[in-house]
């Protein structure tokens, strides 16, 4: 039997180095329609790609990026769009019949 002390801590940012993991993380959050999950997914992806680079590409400061994507953050749609553009994330929408 494995001891708790032998368990490895899961590092979501490390796992999100893989673009397929990034895509799946964001798709799962988006499908649920859970805004905190979406901002968390974007935060993990931004950290995996580099917060400074993401902030620069999004045209916001690094502290503003951290604040927007924090658990208590409530980013505006324009901020989310800028962050998504900076990360190269595109959303596709379909209507249900």
C-alpha atoms as a PDB file:
ATOM      1  CA  UNK A   1       0.000   0.000   0.000  1.00  0.00           C
ATOM      2  CA  UNK A   2       1.277   3.441  -0.950  1.00  0.00           C
ATOM      3  CA  UNK A   3       1.781   6.046   1.765  1.00  0.00           C
ATOM      4  CA  UNK A   4       0.412   9.545   1.350  1.00  0.00           C
ATOM      5  CA  UNK A   5       3.969  10.856   1.592  1.00  0.00           C
ATOM      6  CA  UNK A   6       4.838   8.811  -1.526  1.00  0.00           C
ATOM      7  CA  UNK A   7       2.128  10.393  -3.674  1.00  0.00           C
ATOM      8  CA  UNK A   8       3.217  12.946  -6.229  1.00  0.00           C
ATOM      9  CA  UNK A   9       1.436  16.276  -6.335  1.00  0.00           C
ATOM     10  CA  UNK A  10      -0.363  16.892  -9.607  1.00  0.00           C
ATOM     11  CA  UNK A  11       0.887  20.034 -11.302  1.00  0.00           C
ATOM     12  CA  UNK A  12      -1.783  21.292 -13.712  1.00  0.00           C
ATOM     13  CA  UNK A  13       0.518  23.928 -15.193  1.00  0.00           C
ATOM     14  CA  UNK A  14       3.136  21.292 -15.989  1.00  0.00           C
ATOM     15  CA  UNK A  15       0.484  19.038 -17.533  1.00  0.00           C
ATOM     16  CA  UNK A  16      -0.786  21.976 -19.592  1.00  0.00           C
ATOM     17  CA  UNK A  17       2.530  22.247 -21.409  1.00  0.00           C
ATOM     18  CA  UNK A  18       0.887  19.866 -23.882  1.00  0.00           C
ATOM     19  CA  UNK A  19      -1.350  21.781 -26.351  1.00  0.00           C
ATOM     20  CA  UNK A  20      -3.818  18.872 -26.433  1.00  0.00           C
ATOM     21  CA  UNK A  21      -4.228  19.091 -22.657  1.00  0.00           C
ATOM     22  CA  UNK A  22      -4.790  22.844 -22.979  1.00  0.00           C
ATOM     23  CA  UNK A  23      -7.467  22.288 -25.593  1.00  0.00           C
ATOM     24  CA  UNK A  24      -9.253  19.621 -23.583  1.00  0.00           C
ATOM     25  CA  UNK A  25      -9.096  21.656 -20.368  1.00  0.00           C
ATOM     26  CA  UNK A  26     -10.688  24.653 -22.025  1.00  0.00           C
ATOM     27  CA  UNK A  27     -13.266  22.602 -23.948  1.00  0.00           C
ATOM     28  CA  UNK A  28     -14.430  20.878 -20.766  1.00  0.00           C
ATOM     29  CA  UNK A  29     -14.809  24.203 -18.945  1.00  0.00           C
ATOM     30  CA  UNK A  30     -16.551  25.837 -21.915  1.00  0.00           C
ATOM     31  CA  UNK A  31     -19.010  22.961 -22.367  1.00  0.00           C
ATOM     32  CA  UNK A  32     -19.982  23.180 -18.699  1.00  0.00           C
ATOM     33  CA  UNK A  33     -20.585  26.920 -19.073  1.00  0.00           C
ATOM     34  CA  UNK A  34     -18.853  27.409 -15.740  1.00  0.00           C
ATOM     35  CA  UNK A  35     -17.259  30.861 -15.818  1.00  0.00           C
ATOM     36  CA  UNK A  36     -14.855  30.239 -12.894  1.00  0.00           C
ATOM     37  CA  UNK A  37     -13.751  27.009 -14.615  1.00  0.00           C
ATOM     38  CA  UNK A  38     -13.175  28.881 -17.879  1.00  0.00           C
ATOM     39  CA  UNK A  39     -11.066  31.555 -16.191  1.00  0.00           C
ATOM     40  CA  UNK A  40      -9.179  28.842 -14.285  1.00  0.00           C
ATOM     41  CA  UNK A  41      -8.478  26.974 -17.532  1.00  0.00           C
ATOM     42  CA  UNK A  42      -7.241  30.192 -19.147  1.00  0.00           C
ATOM     43  CA  UNK A  43      -5.081  30.851 -16.076  1.00  0.00           C
ATOM     44  CA  UNK A  44      -3.473  27.400 -16.238  1.00  0.00           C
ATOM     45  CA  UNK A  45      -2.840  27.784 -19.975  1.00  0.00           C
ATOM     46  CA  UNK A  46      -1.409  31.307 -19.537  1.00  0.00           C
ATOM     47  CA  UNK A  47       0.914  30.068 -16.779  1.00  0.00           C
ATOM     48  CA  UNK A  48       2.019  27.152 -18.955  1.00  0.00           C
ATOM     49  CA  UNK A  49       2.821  29.512 -21.818  1.00  0.00           C
ATOM     50  CA  UNK A  50       4.203  32.318 -19.663  1.00  0.00           C
ATOM     51  CA  UNK A  51       2.230  34.995 -17.867  1.00  0.00           C
ATOM     52  CA  UNK A  52       4.494  37.871 -18.934  1.00  0.00           C
ATOM     53  CA  UNK A  53       4.332  36.930 -22.605  1.00  0.00           C
ATOM     54  CA  UNK A  54       0.560  36.384 -22.430  1.00  0.00           C
ATOM     55  CA  UNK A  55       0.034  39.748 -20.721  1.00  0.00           C
ATOM     56  CA  UNK A  56       2.178  41.536 -23.305  1.00  0.00           C
ATOM     57  CA  UNK A  57       0.311  39.927 -26.202  1.00  0.00           C
ATOM     58  CA  UNK A  58      -3.046  40.712 -24.560  1.00  0.00           C
ATOM     59  CA  UNK A  59      -2.053  44.344 -24.032  1.00  0.00           C
ATOM     60  CA  UNK A  60      -2.502  44.270 -20.264  1.00  0.00           C
ATOM     61  CA  UNK A  61      -0.116  44.303 -17.331  1.00  0.00           C
ATOM     62  CA  UNK A  62       1.023  41.086 -15.734  1.00  0.00           C
ATOM     63  CA  UNK A  63      -0.675  41.953 -12.394  1.00  0.00           C
ATOM     64  CA  UNK A  64      -3.911  42.733 -14.271  1.00  0.00           C
ATOM     65  CA  UNK A  65      -3.709  39.331 -15.973  1.00  0.00           C
ATOM     66  CA  UNK A  66      -3.223  37.572 -12.634  1.00  0.00           C
ATOM     67  CA  UNK A  67      -6.144  39.535 -11.155  1.00  0.00           C
ATOM     68  CA  UNK A  68      -8.462  38.837 -14.104  1.00  0.00           C
ATOM     69  CA  UNK A  69      -7.754  35.104 -14.009  1.00  0.00           C
ATOM     70  CA  UNK A  70      -7.739  34.716 -10.221  1.00  0.00           C
ATOM     71  CA  UNK A  71     -10.407  32.848  -8.269  1.00  0.00           C
ATOM     72  CA  UNK A  72     -11.933  36.199  -7.321  1.00  0.00           C
ATOM     73  CA  UNK A  73     -11.395  37.769 -10.743  1.00  0.00           C
ATOM     74  CA  UNK A  74     -14.301  38.836 -12.903  1.00  0.00           C
ATOM     75  CA  UNK A  75     -12.741  39.708 -16.250  1.00  0.00           C
ATOM     76  CA  UNK A  76     -14.698  41.709 -18.769  1.00  0.00           C
ATOM     77  CA  UNK A  77     -15.538  40.155 -22.105  1.00  0.00           C
ATOM     78  CA  UNK A  78     -13.005  42.414 -23.807  1.00  0.00           C
ATOM     79  CA  UNK A  79     -10.301  41.227 -21.385  1.00  0.00           C
ATOM     80  CA  UNK A  80     -11.216  37.581 -21.987  1.00  0.00           C
ATOM     81  CA  UNK A  81     -11.157  38.119 -25.744  1.00  0.00           C
ATOM     82  CA  UNK A  82      -7.738  39.765 -25.502  1.00  0.00           C
ATOM     83  CA  UNK A  83      -6.379  36.937 -23.362  1.00  0.00           C
ATOM     84  CA  UNK A  84      -7.823  34.309 -25.690  1.00  0.00           C
ATOM     85  CA  UNK A  85      -6.330  36.102 -28.723  1.00  0.00           C
ATOM     86  CA  UNK A  86      -2.963  36.311 -26.960  1.00  0.00           C
ATOM     87  CA  UNK A  87      -3.090  32.553 -26.315  1.00  0.00           C
ATOM     88  CA  UNK A  88      -4.186  31.791 -29.874  1.00  0.00           C
ATOM     89  CA  UNK A  89      -7.499  30.385 -28.667  1.00  0.00           C
ATOM     90  CA  UNK A  90     -10.456  30.510 -31.012  1.00  0.00           C
ATOM     91  CA  UNK A  91     -14.033  29.751 -30.037  1.00  0.00           C
ATOM     92  CA  UNK A  92     -16.527  28.234 -32.445  1.00  0.00           C
ATOM     93  CA  UNK A  93     -20.234  28.451 -31.806  1.00  0.00           C
ATOM     94  CA  UNK A  94     -23.104  26.369 -33.133  1.00  0.00           C
ATOM     95  CA  UNK A  95     -26.813  26.857 -32.685  1.00  0.00           C
ATOM     96  CA  UNK A  96     -28.923  23.987 -31.458  1.00  0.00           C
ATOM     97  CA  UNK A  97     -31.896  23.120 -33.629  1.00  0.00           C
END
